[in-house]
Full PDB file with SEQRES, HELIX, SHEET, SSBOND, CRYST1, ORIGX, SCALE, CONECT and MASTER records, all heavy atoms in Angstrom:
SEQRES   1 A   40  VAL ILE LYS VAL SER ASP LEU THR TYR THR TYR LEU GLY          
SEQRES   2 A   40  SER GLU LYS PRO THR LEU LYS GLU ILE SER LEU VAL ILE          
SEQRES   3 A   40  GLU LYS GLY GLU PHE VAL VAL LEU THR GLY PRO SER GLY          
SEQRES   4 A   40  CYS                                                          
SHEET    1 AA1 2 ILE A   2  TYR A   9  0                                        
SHEET    2 AA1 2 LEU A  19  ILE A  26 -1                                        
CRYST1    1.000    1.000    1.000  90.00  90.00  90.00 P 1           1          
ORIGX1      1.000000  0.000000  0.000000        0.00000                         
ORIGX2      0.000000  1.000000  0.000000        0.00000                         
ORIGX3      0.000000  0.000000  1.000000        0.00000                         
SCALE1      1.000000  0.000000  0.000000        0.00000                         
SCALE2      0.000000  1.000000  0.000000        0.00000                         
SCALE3      0.000000  0.000000  1.000000        0.00000                         
ATOM      1  N   VAL A   1      93.101 112.136  91.846  1.00  0.00           N  
ATOM      2  CA  VAL A   1      92.291 113.284  92.235  1.00  0.00           C  
ATOM      3  C   VAL A   1      91.558 113.001  93.548  1.00  0.00           C  
ATOM      4  O   VAL A   1      91.202 113.912  94.295  1.00  0.00           O  
ATOM      5  CB  VAL A   1      91.313 113.654  91.108  1.00  0.00           C  
ATOM      6  CG1 VAL A   1      90.232 112.581  90.930  1.00  0.00           C  
ATOM      7  CG2 VAL A   1      90.665 115.030  91.362  1.00  0.00           C  
ATOM      8  N   ILE A   2      91.370 111.723  93.840  1.00  0.00           N  
ATOM      9  CA  ILE A   2      90.768 111.286  95.136  1.00  0.00           C  
ATOM     10  C   ILE A   2      91.601 110.137  95.683  1.00  0.00           C  
ATOM     11  O   ILE A   2      91.925 109.182  94.969  1.00  0.00           O  
ATOM     12  CB  ILE A   2      89.302 110.831  94.952  1.00  0.00           C  
ATOM     13  CG1 ILE A   2      88.407 111.981  94.505  1.00  0.00           C  
ATOM     14  CG2 ILE A   2      88.765 110.193  96.244  1.00  0.00           C  
ATOM     15  CD1 ILE A   2      86.974 111.598  94.263  1.00  0.00           C  
ATOM     16  N   LYS A   3      91.961 110.266  96.940  1.00  0.00           N  
ATOM     17  CA  LYS A   3      92.719 109.190  97.623  1.00  0.00           C  
ATOM     18  C   LYS A   3      92.044 108.932  98.965  1.00  0.00           C  
ATOM     19  O   LYS A   3      91.950 109.828  99.817  1.00  0.00           O  
ATOM     20  CB  LYS A   3      94.159 109.613  97.810  1.00  0.00           C  
ATOM     21  CG  LYS A   3      95.026 108.475  98.374  1.00  0.00           C  
ATOM     22  CD  LYS A   3      96.507 108.863  98.409  1.00  0.00           C  
ATOM     23  CE  LYS A   3      97.363 107.714  98.926  1.00  0.00           C  
ATOM     24  NZ  LYS A   3      98.797 108.066  98.975  1.00  0.00           N  
ATOM     25  N   VAL A   4      91.613 107.714  99.126  1.00  0.00           N  
ATOM     26  CA  VAL A   4      90.919 107.294 100.364  1.00  0.00           C  
ATOM     27  C   VAL A   4      91.788 106.260 101.067  1.00  0.00           C  
ATOM     28  O   VAL A   4      92.207 105.281 100.425  1.00  0.00           O  
ATOM     29  CB  VAL A   4      89.528 106.694 100.051  1.00  0.00           C  
ATOM     30  CG1 VAL A   4      88.818 106.297 101.319  1.00  0.00           C  
ATOM     31  CG2 VAL A   4      88.676 107.696  99.261  1.00  0.00           C  
ATOM     32  N   SER A   5      92.032 106.452 102.327  1.00  0.00           N  
ATOM     33  CA  SER A   5      92.891 105.527 103.103  1.00  0.00           C  
ATOM     34  C   SER A   5      92.213 105.067 104.372  1.00  0.00           C  
ATOM     35  O   SER A   5      91.879 105.893 105.252  1.00  0.00           O  
ATOM     36  CB  SER A   5      94.227 106.223 103.455  1.00  0.00           C  
ATOM     37  OG  SER A   5      94.863 106.708 102.303  1.00  0.00           O  
ATOM     38  N   ASP A   6      91.954 103.772 104.468  1.00  0.00           N  
ATOM     39  CA  ASP A   6      91.404 103.162 105.699  1.00  0.00           C  
ATOM     40  C   ASP A   6      90.185 103.886 106.226  1.00  0.00           C  
ATOM     41  O   ASP A   6      90.069 104.179 107.436  1.00  0.00           O  
ATOM     42  CB  ASP A   6      92.487 103.115 106.789  1.00  0.00           C  
ATOM     43  CG  ASP A   6      93.681 102.266 106.364  1.00  0.00           C  
ATOM     44  OD1 ASP A   6      93.467 101.226 105.733  1.00  0.00           O  
ATOM     45  OD2 ASP A   6      94.831 102.678 106.615  1.00  0.00           O  
ATOM     46  N   LEU A   7      89.252 104.231 105.353  1.00  0.00           N  
ATOM     47  CA  LEU A   7      88.074 105.002 105.728  1.00  0.00           C  
ATOM     48  C   LEU A   7      87.041 104.124 106.406  1.00  0.00           C  
ATOM     49  O   LEU A   7      86.583 103.134 105.849  1.00  0.00           O  
ATOM     50  CB  LEU A   7      87.438 105.655 104.508  1.00  0.00           C  
ATOM     51  CG  LEU A   7      86.102 106.378 104.688  1.00  0.00           C  
ATOM     52  CD1 LEU A   7      86.291 107.562 105.619  1.00  0.00           C  
ATOM     53  CD2 LEU A   7      85.512 106.788 103.363  1.00  0.00           C  
ATOM     54  N   THR A   8      86.665 104.518 107.642  1.00  0.00           N  
ATOM     55  CA  THR A   8      85.571 103.867 108.370  1.00  0.00           C  
ATOM     56  C   THR A   8      84.701 105.015 108.871  1.00  0.00           C  
ATOM     57  O   THR A   8      85.166 105.959 109.424  1.00  0.00           O  
ATOM     58  CB  THR A   8      86.080 103.033 109.542  1.00  0.00           C  
ATOM     59  OG1 THR A   8      86.859 101.938 109.018  1.00  0.00           O  
ATOM     60  CG2 THR A   8      84.905 102.435 110.338  1.00  0.00           C  
ATOM     61  N   TYR A   9      83.378 104.851 108.633  1.00  0.00           N  
ATOM     62  CA  TYR A   9      82.492 105.952 109.064  1.00  0.00           C  
ATOM     63  C   TYR A   9      81.219 105.363 109.711  1.00  0.00           C  
ATOM     64  O   TYR A   9      80.597 104.414 109.183  1.00  0.00           O  
ATOM     65  CB  TYR A   9      82.080 106.834 107.884  1.00  0.00           C  
ATOM     66  CG  TYR A   9      81.047 107.859 108.278  1.00  0.00           C  
ATOM     67  CD1 TYR A   9      81.381 108.954 109.076  1.00  0.00           C  
ATOM     68  CD2 TYR A   9      79.702 107.704 107.916  1.00  0.00           C  
ATOM     69  CE1 TYR A   9      80.449 109.885 109.456  1.00  0.00           C  
ATOM     70  CE2 TYR A   9      78.764 108.636 108.295  1.00  0.00           C  
ATOM     71  CZ  TYR A   9      79.129 109.733 109.063  1.00  0.00           C  
ATOM     72  OH  TYR A   9      78.200 110.649 109.478  1.00  0.00           O  
ATOM     73  N   THR A  10      80.830 105.972 110.846  1.00  0.00           N  
ATOM     74  CA  THR A  10      79.620 105.548 111.563  1.00  0.00           C  
ATOM     75  C   THR A  10      78.741 106.789 111.794  1.00  0.00           C  
ATOM     76  O   THR A  10      79.209 107.806 112.322  1.00  0.00           O  
ATOM     77  CB  THR A  10      79.973 104.923 112.943  1.00  0.00           C  
ATOM     78  OG1 THR A  10      80.924 103.887 112.742  1.00  0.00           O  
ATOM     79  CG2 THR A  10      78.751 104.396 113.642  1.00  0.00           C  
ATOM     80  N   TYR A  11      77.486 106.728 111.370  1.00  0.00           N  
ATOM     81  CA  TYR A  11      76.551 107.855 111.603  1.00  0.00           C  
ATOM     82  C   TYR A  11      76.265 108.020 113.060  1.00  0.00           C  
ATOM     83  O   TYR A  11      76.341 107.073 113.844  1.00  0.00           O  
ATOM     84  CB  TYR A  11      75.228 107.580 110.846  1.00  0.00           C  
ATOM     85  CG  TYR A  11      75.274 107.838 109.382  1.00  0.00           C  
ATOM     86  CD1 TYR A  11      75.340 106.772 108.469  1.00  0.00           C  
ATOM     87  CD2 TYR A  11      75.219 109.133 108.866  1.00  0.00           C  
ATOM     88  CE1 TYR A  11      75.353 107.015 107.110  1.00  0.00           C  
ATOM     89  CE2 TYR A  11      75.238 109.382 107.500  1.00  0.00           C  
ATOM     90  CZ  TYR A  11      75.295 108.312 106.621  1.00  0.00           C  
ATOM     91  OH  TYR A  11      75.322 108.553 105.274  1.00  0.00           O  
ATOM     92  N   LEU A  12      75.934 109.278 113.412  1.00  0.00           N  
ATOM     93  CA  LEU A  12      75.542 109.553 114.797  1.00  0.00           C  
ATOM     94  C   LEU A  12      74.347 108.679 115.188  1.00  0.00           C  
ATOM     95  O   LEU A  12      73.381 108.544 114.453  1.00  0.00           O  
ATOM     96  CB  LEU A  12      75.146 111.041 114.947  1.00  0.00           C  
ATOM     97  CG  LEU A  12      76.292 112.040 115.006  1.00  0.00           C  
ATOM     98  CD1 LEU A  12      75.748 113.465 114.962  1.00  0.00           C  
ATOM     99  CD2 LEU A  12      77.087 111.850 116.303  1.00  0.00           C  
ATOM    100  N   GLY A  13      74.410 108.068 116.344  1.00  0.00           N  
ATOM    101  CA  GLY A  13      73.318 107.248 116.817  1.00  0.00           C  
ATOM    102  C   GLY A  13      73.326 105.816 116.335  1.00  0.00           C  
ATOM    103  O   GLY A  13      72.490 105.030 116.700  1.00  0.00           O  
ATOM    104  N   SER A  14      74.250 105.495 115.433  1.00  0.00           N  
ATOM    105  CA  SER A  14      74.336 104.161 114.897  1.00  0.00           C  
ATOM    106  C   SER A  14      75.407 103.361 115.616  1.00  0.00           C  
ATOM    107  O   SER A  14      76.449 103.886 115.977  1.00  0.00           O  
ATOM    108  CB  SER A  14      74.650 104.201 113.384  1.00  0.00           C  
ATOM    109  OG  SER A  14      74.804 102.871 112.879  1.00  0.00           O  
ATOM    110  N   GLU A  15      75.151 102.078 115.825  1.00  0.00           N  
ATOM    111  CA  GLU A  15      76.113 101.241 116.526  1.00  0.00           C  
ATOM    112  C   GLU A  15      77.120 100.607 115.530  1.00  0.00           C  
ATOM    113  O   GLU A  15      78.228 100.292 115.941  1.00  0.00           O  
ATOM    114  CB  GLU A  15      75.393 100.151 117.299  1.00  0.00           C  
ATOM    115  CG  GLU A  15      74.519 100.684 118.428  1.00  0.00           C  
ATOM    116  CD  GLU A  15      73.851  99.553 119.198  1.00  0.00           C  
ATOM    117  OE1 GLU A  15      74.045  98.351 118.809  1.00  0.00           O  
ATOM    118  OE2 GLU A  15      73.107  99.828 120.142  1.00  0.00           O  
ATOM    119  N   LYS A  16      76.693 100.411 114.289  1.00  0.00           N  
ATOM    120  CA  LYS A  16      77.575  99.777 113.307  1.00  0.00           C  
ATOM    121  C   LYS A  16      78.023 100.775 112.256  1.00  0.00           C  
ATOM    122  O   LYS A  16      77.276 101.648 111.845  1.00  0.00           O  
ATOM    123  CB  LYS A  16      76.770  98.644 112.623  1.00  0.00           C  
ATOM    124  CG  LYS A  16      76.367  97.510 113.566  1.00  0.00           C  
ATOM    125  CD  LYS A  16      75.900  96.302 112.774  1.00  0.00           C  
ATOM    126  CE  LYS A  16      74.764  96.629 111.845  1.00  0.00           C  
ATOM    127  NZ  LYS A  16      74.281  95.435 111.114  1.00  0.00           N  
ATOM    128  N   PRO A  17      79.253 100.647 111.808  1.00  0.00           N  
ATOM    129  CA  PRO A  17      79.763 101.552 110.737  1.00  0.00           C  
ATOM    130  C   PRO A  17      79.067 101.295 109.408  1.00  0.00           C  
ATOM    131  O   PRO A  17      78.798 100.125 109.071  1.00  0.00           O  
ATOM    132  CB  PRO A  17      81.251 101.244 110.712  1.00  0.00           C  
ATOM    133  CG  PRO A  17      81.372  99.855 111.229  1.00  0.00           C  
ATOM    134  CD  PRO A  17      80.300  99.692 112.269  1.00  0.00           C  
ATOM    135  N   THR A  18      78.814 102.332 108.673  1.00  0.00           N  
ATOM    136  CA  THR A  18      78.241 102.208 107.317  1.00  0.00           C  
ATOM    137  C   THR A  18      79.344 101.943 106.305  1.00  0.00           C  
ATOM    138  O   THR A  18      79.138 101.243 105.325  1.00  0.00           O  
ATOM    139  CB  THR A  18      77.499 103.513 106.971  1.00  0.00           C  
ATOM    140  OG1 THR A  18      76.449 103.722 107.904  1.00  0.00           O  
ATOM    141  CG2 THR A  18      76.862 103.397 105.593  1.00  0.00           C  
ATOM    142  N   LEU A  19      80.537 102.506 106.545  1.00  0.00           N  
ATOM    143  CA  LEU A  19      81.710 102.287 105.685  1.00  0.00           C  
ATOM    144  C   LEU A  19      82.772 101.636 106.519  1.00  0.00           C  
ATOM    145  O   LEU A  19      83.003 102.040 107.668  1.00  0.00           O  
ATOM    146  CB  LEU A  19      82.199 103.581 105.103  1.00  0.00           C  
ATOM    147  CG  LEU A  19      81.217 104.431 104.304  1.00  0.00           C  
ATOM    148  CD1 LEU A  19      81.868 105.740 103.854  1.00  0.00           C  
ATOM    149  CD2 LEU A  19      80.679 103.677 103.093  1.00  0.00           C  
ATOM    150  N   LYS A  20      83.474 100.647 105.961  1.00  0.00           N  
ATOM    151  CA  LYS A  20      84.446  99.873 106.736  1.00  0.00           C  
ATOM    152  C   LYS A  20      85.772  99.746 106.001  1.00  0.00           C  
ATOM    153  O   LYS A  20      85.873  99.077 104.995  1.00  0.00           O  
ATOM    154  CB  LYS A  20      83.871  98.456 106.988  1.00  0.00           C  
ATOM    155  CG  LYS A  20      82.488  98.428 107.624  1.00  0.00           C  
ATOM    156  CD  LYS A  20      81.899  97.048 107.601  1.00  0.00           C  
ATOM    157  CE  LYS A  20      80.461  97.025 108.048  1.00  0.00           C  
ATOM    158  NZ  LYS A  20      79.863  95.690 107.871  1.00  0.00           N  
ATOM    159  N   GLU A  21      86.780 100.425 106.539  1.00  0.00           N  
ATOM    160  CA  GLU A  21      88.179 100.260 106.092  1.00  0.00           C  
ATOM    161  C   GLU A  21      88.323 100.286 104.581  1.00  0.00           C  
ATOM    162  O   GLU A  21      88.928  99.410 103.959  1.00  0.00           O  
ATOM    163  CB  GLU A  21      88.755  98.964 106.654  1.00  0.00           C  
ATOM    164  CG  GLU A  21      88.732  98.931 108.192  1.00  0.00           C  
ATOM    165  CD  GLU A  21      89.319  97.643 108.749  1.00  0.00           C  
ATOM    166  OE1 GLU A  21      89.527  96.722 107.955  1.00  0.00           O  
ATOM    167  OE2 GLU A  21      89.557  97.559 109.950  1.00  0.00           O  
ATOM    168  N   ILE A  22      87.810 101.369 103.963  1.00  0.00           N  
ATOM    169  CA  ILE A  22      87.875 101.508 102.518  1.00  0.00           C  
ATOM    170  C   ILE A  22      89.162 102.228 102.146  1.00  0.00           C  
ATOM    171  O   ILE A  22      89.474 103.308 102.692  1.00  0.00           O  
ATOM    172  CB  ILE A  22      86.682 102.269 101.961  1.00  0.00           C  
ATOM    173  CG1 ILE A  22      85.391 101.453 102.157  1.00  0.00           C  
ATOM    174  CG2 ILE A  22      86.860 102.634 100.478  1.00  0.00           C  
ATOM    175  CD1 ILE A  22      84.132 102.189 101.720  1.00  0.00           C  
ATOM    176  N   SER A  23      89.882 101.707 101.199  1.00  0.00           N  
ATOM    177  CA  SER A  23      91.040 102.396 100.613  1.00  0.00           C  
ATOM    178  C   SER A  23      90.866 102.387  99.074  1.00  0.00           C  
ATOM    179  O   SER A  23      90.467 101.359  98.505  1.00  0.00           O  
ATOM    180  CB  SER A  23      92.350 101.691 101.008  1.00  0.00           C  
ATOM    181  OG  SER A  23      92.619 101.818 102.374  1.00  0.00           O  
ATOM    182  N   LEU A  24      91.104 103.524  98.474  1.00  0.00           N  
ATOM    183  CA  LEU A  24      90.790 103.674  97.052  1.00  0.00           C  
ATOM    184  C   LEU A  24      91.538 104.861  96.468  1.00  0.00           C  
ATOM    185  O   LEU A  24      91.698 105.871  97.148  1.00  0.00           O  
ATOM    186  CB  LEU A  24      89.294 103.888  96.862  1.00  0.00           C  
ATOM    187  CG  LEU A  24      88.788 104.219  95.458  1.00  0.00           C  
ATOM    188  CD1 LEU A  24      88.900 102.999  94.545  1.00  0.00           C  
ATOM    189  CD2 LEU A  24      87.343 104.704  95.502  1.00  0.00           C  
ATOM    190  N   VAL A  25      91.997 104.746  95.222  1.00  0.00           N  
ATOM    191  CA  VAL A  25      92.570 105.882  94.498  1.00  0.00           C  
ATOM    192  C   VAL A  25      91.815 106.025  93.186  1.00  0.00           C  
ATOM    193  O   VAL A  25      91.627 105.055  92.454  1.00  0.00           O  
ATOM    194  CB  VAL A  25      94.072 105.669  94.220  1.00  0.00           C  
ATOM    195  CG1 VAL A  25      94.614 106.797  93.327  1.00  0.00           C  
ATOM    196  CG2 VAL A  25      94.861 105.628  95.524  1.00  0.00           C  
ATOM    197  N   ILE A  26      91.330 107.219  92.908  1.00  0.00           N  
ATOM    198  CA  ILE A  26      90.682 107.526  91.610  1.00  0.00           C  
ATOM    199  C   ILE A  26      91.549 108.541  90.888  1.00  0.00           C  
ATOM    200  O   ILE A  26      91.884 109.603  91.433  1.00  0.00           O  
ATOM    201  CB  ILE A  26      89.248 108.072  91.838  1.00  0.00           C  
ATOM    202  CG1 ILE A  26      88.368 107.003  92.472  1.00  0.00           C  
ATOM    203  CG2 ILE A  26      88.641 108.547  90.515  1.00  0.00           C  
ATOM    204  CD1 ILE A  26      86.952 107.438  92.790  1.00  0.00           C  
ATOM    205  N   GLU A  27      91.901 108.187  89.670  1.00  0.00           N  
ATOM    206  CA  GLU A  27      92.785 109.063  88.875  1.00  0.00           C  
ATOM    207  C   GLU A  27      91.988 110.164  88.182  1.00  0.00           C  
ATOM    208  O   GLU A  27      90.824 109.998  87.859  1.00  0.00           O  
ATOM    209  CB  GLU A  27      93.551 108.237  87.859  1.00  0.00           C  
ATOM    210  CG  GLU A  27      94.366 107.082  88.424  1.00  0.00           C  
ATOM    211  CD  GLU A  27      95.539 107.555  89.276  1.00  0.00           C  
ATOM    212  OE1 GLU A  27      95.936 108.708  89.109  1.00  0.00           O  
ATOM    213  OE2 GLU A  27      96.034 106.769  90.108  1.00  0.00           O  
ATOM    214  N   LYS A  28      92.692 111.253  87.896  1.00  0.00           N  
ATOM    215  CA  LYS A  28      92.084 112.346  87.161  1.00  0.00           C  
ATOM    216  C   LYS A  28      91.641 111.873  85.789  1.00  0.00           C  
ATOM    217  O   LYS A  28      92.339 111.175  85.088  1.00  0.00           O  
ATOM    218  CB  LYS A  28      93.110 113.492  86.998  1.00  0.00           C  
ATOM    219  CG  LYS A  28      92.552 114.721  86.267  1.00  0.00           C  
ATOM    220  CD  LYS A  28      93.543 115.833  86.253  1.00  0.00           C  
ATOM    221  CE  LYS A  28      93.072 117.011  85.403  1.00  0.00           C  
ATOM    222  NZ  LYS A  28      91.784 117.540  85.921  1.00  0.00           N  
ATOM    223  N   GLY A  29      90.392 112.216  85.434  1.00  0.00           N  
ATOM    224  CA  GLY A  29      89.836 111.875  84.103  1.00  0.00           C  
ATOM    225  C   GLY A  29      89.155 110.543  84.045  1.00  0.00           C  
ATOM    226  O   GLY A  29      88.651 110.184  82.963  1.00  0.00           O  
ATOM    227  N   GLU A  30      89.100 109.804  85.110  1.00  0.00           N  
ATOM    228  CA  GLU A  30      88.406 108.499  85.081  1.00  0.00           C  
ATOM    229  C   GLU A  30      86.903 108.722  85.048  1.00  0.00           C  
ATOM    230  O   GLU A  30      86.356 109.733  85.525  1.00  0.00           O  
ATOM    231  CB  GLU A  30      88.727 107.668  86.316  1.00  0.00           C  
ATOM    232  CG  GLU A  30      90.090 106.978  86.273  1.00  0.00           C  
ATOM    233  CD  GLU A  30      90.159 105.853  87.322  1.00  0.00           C  
ATOM    234  OE1 GLU A  30      90.544 106.141  88.477  1.00  0.00           O  
ATOM    235  OE2 GLU A  30      89.875 104.703  86.981  1.00  0.00           O  
ATOM    236  N   PHE A  31      86.196 107.737  84.451  1.00  0.00           N  
ATOM    237  CA  PHE A  31      84.727 107.681  84.526  1.00  0.00           C  
ATOM    238  C   PHE A  31      84.428 106.427  85.314  1.00  0.00           C  
ATOM    239  O   PHE A  31      84.544 105.301  84.781  1.00  0.00           O  
ATOM    240  CB  PHE A  31      84.136 107.593  83.108  1.00  0.00           C  
ATOM    241  CG  PHE A  31      82.627 107.781  83.063  1.00  0.00           C  
ATOM    242  CD1 PHE A  31      82.070 108.721  82.205  1.00  0.00           C  
ATOM    243  CD2 PHE A  31      81.779 107.035  83.878  1.00  0.00           C  
ATOM    244  CE1 PHE A  31      80.681 108.908  82.162  1.00  0.00           C  
ATOM    245  CE2 PHE A  31      80.415 107.198  83.840  1.00  0.00           C  
ATOM    246  CZ  PHE A  31      79.862 108.152  82.957  1.00  0.00           C  
ATOM    247  N   VAL A  32      83.990 106.626  86.537  1.00  0.00           N  
ATOM    248  CA  VAL A  32      83.805 105.495  87.455  1.00  0.00           C  
ATOM    249  C   VAL A  32      82.295 105.287  87.710  1.00  0.00           C  
ATOM    250  O   VAL A  32      81.590 106.239  88.019  1.00  0.00           O  
ATOM    251  CB  VAL A  32      84.493 105.766  88.816  1.00  0.00           C  
ATOM    252  CG1 VAL A  32      84.217 104.616  89.783  1.00  0.00           C  
ATOM    253  CG2 VAL A  32      85.995 105.923  88.626  1.00  0.00           C  
ATOM    254  N   VAL A  33      81.824 104.058  87.530  1.00  0.00           N  
ATOM    255  CA  VAL A  33      80.482 103.698  87.913  1.00  0.00           C  
ATOM    256  C   VAL A  33      80.596 102.991  89.254  1.00  0.00           C  
ATOM    257  O   VAL A  33      81.310 102.000  89.420  1.00  0.00           O  
ATOM    258  CB  VAL A  33      79.805 102.797  86.871  1.00  0.00           C  
ATOM    259  CG1 VAL A  33      78.513 102.177  87.452  1.00  0.00           C  
ATOM    260  CG2 VAL A  33      79.476 103.584  85.635  1.00  0.00           C  
ATOM    261  N   LEU A  34      79.842 103.522  90.232  1.00  0.00           N  
ATOM    262  CA  LEU A  34      79.813 102.931  91.585  1.00  0.00           C  
ATOM    263  C   LEU A  34      78.441 102.247  91.771  1.00  0.00           C  
ATOM    264  O   LEU A  34      77.415 102.914  91.652  1.00  0.00           O  
ATOM    265  CB  LEU A  34      80.017 104.029  92.627  1.00  0.00           C  
ATOM    266  CG  LEU A  34      79.995 103.672  94.100  1.00  0.00           C  
ATOM    267  CD1 LEU A  34      81.139 102.715  94.426  1.00  0.00           C  
ATOM    268  CD2 LEU A  34      80.111 104.911  94.965  1.00  0.00           C  
ATOM    269  N   THR A  35      78.468 100.982  92.015  1.00  0.00           N  
ATOM    270  CA  THR A  35      77.234 100.219  92.111  1.00  0.00           C  
ATOM    271  C   THR A  35      77.278  99.257  93.283  1.00  0.00           C  
ATOM    272  O   THR A  35      78.287  99.084  93.937  1.00  0.00           O  
ATOM    273  CB  THR A  35      76.877  99.542  90.778  1.00  0.00           C  
ATOM    274  OG1 THR A  35      75.529  99.069  90.828  1.00  0.00           O  
ATOM    275  CG2 THR A  35      77.854  98.389  90.492  1.00  0.00           C  
ATOM    276  N   GLY A  36      76.154  98.548  93.506  1.00  0.00           N  
ATOM    277  CA  GLY A  36      76.070  97.607  94.608  1.00  0.00           C  
ATOM    278  C   GLY A  36      74.636  97.561  95.120  1.00  0.00           C  
ATOM    279  O   GLY A  36      73.833  98.382  94.724  1.00  0.00           O  
ATOM    280  N   PRO A  37      74.318  96.602  95.960  1.00  0.00           N  
ATOM    281  CA  PRO A  37      72.942  96.464  96.490  1.00  0.00           C  
ATOM    282  C   PRO A  37      72.525  97.689  97.253  1.00  0.00           C  
ATOM    283  O   PRO A  37      73.342  98.470  97.768  1.00  0.00           O  
ATOM    284  CB  PRO A  37      73.029  95.241  97.422  1.00  0.00           C  
ATOM    285  CG  PRO A  37      74.285  94.550  97.045  1.00  0.00           C  
ATOM    286  CD  PRO A  37      75.221  95.587  96.524  1.00  0.00           C  
ATOM    287  N   SER A  38      71.213  97.956  97.311  1.00  0.00           N  
ATOM    288  CA  SER A  38      70.685  99.053  98.100  1.00  0.00           C  
ATOM    289  C   SER A  38      71.170  98.926  99.557  1.00  0.00           C  
ATOM    290  O   SER A  38      71.154  97.852 100.122  1.00  0.00           O  
ATOM    291  CB  SER A  38      69.145  99.075  98.062  1.00  0.00           C  
ATOM    292  OG  SER A  38      68.703  99.287  96.758  1.00  0.00           O  
ATOM    293  N   GLY A  39      71.561 100.070 100.130  1.00  0.00           N  
ATOM    294  CA  GLY A  39      71.998 100.079 101.522  1.00  0.00           C  
ATOM    295  C   GLY A  39      73.442  99.646 101.747  1.00  0.00           C  
ATOM    296  O   GLY A  39      73.857  99.477 102.899  1.00  0.00           O  
ATOM    297  N   CYS A  40      74.203  99.498 100.649  1.00  0.00           N  
ATOM    298  CA  CYS A  40      75.573  99.013 100.815  1.00  0.00           C  
ATOM    299  C   CYS A  40      76.566 100.115 101.174  1.00  0.00           C  
ATOM    300  O   CYS A  40      77.700  99.847 101.496  1.00  0.00           O  
ATOM    301  CB  CYS A  40      76.051  98.277  99.553  1.00  0.00           C  
ATOM    302  SG  CYS A  40      76.293  99.385  98.146  1.00  0.00           S  
TER     303      CYS A  40                                                      
MASTER        0    0    0    0    2    0    0    6  302    1    0    4          
END                                                                             
């Protein structure tokens, strides 16, 4: 239901990307917990 390929994203005015080369597939009906340190 979601397919992410080589995602890199940088906010306007920022020099460093917030997201770096993310690839991910989420299947229909999954229950996904997304966690990690603050600011990740």
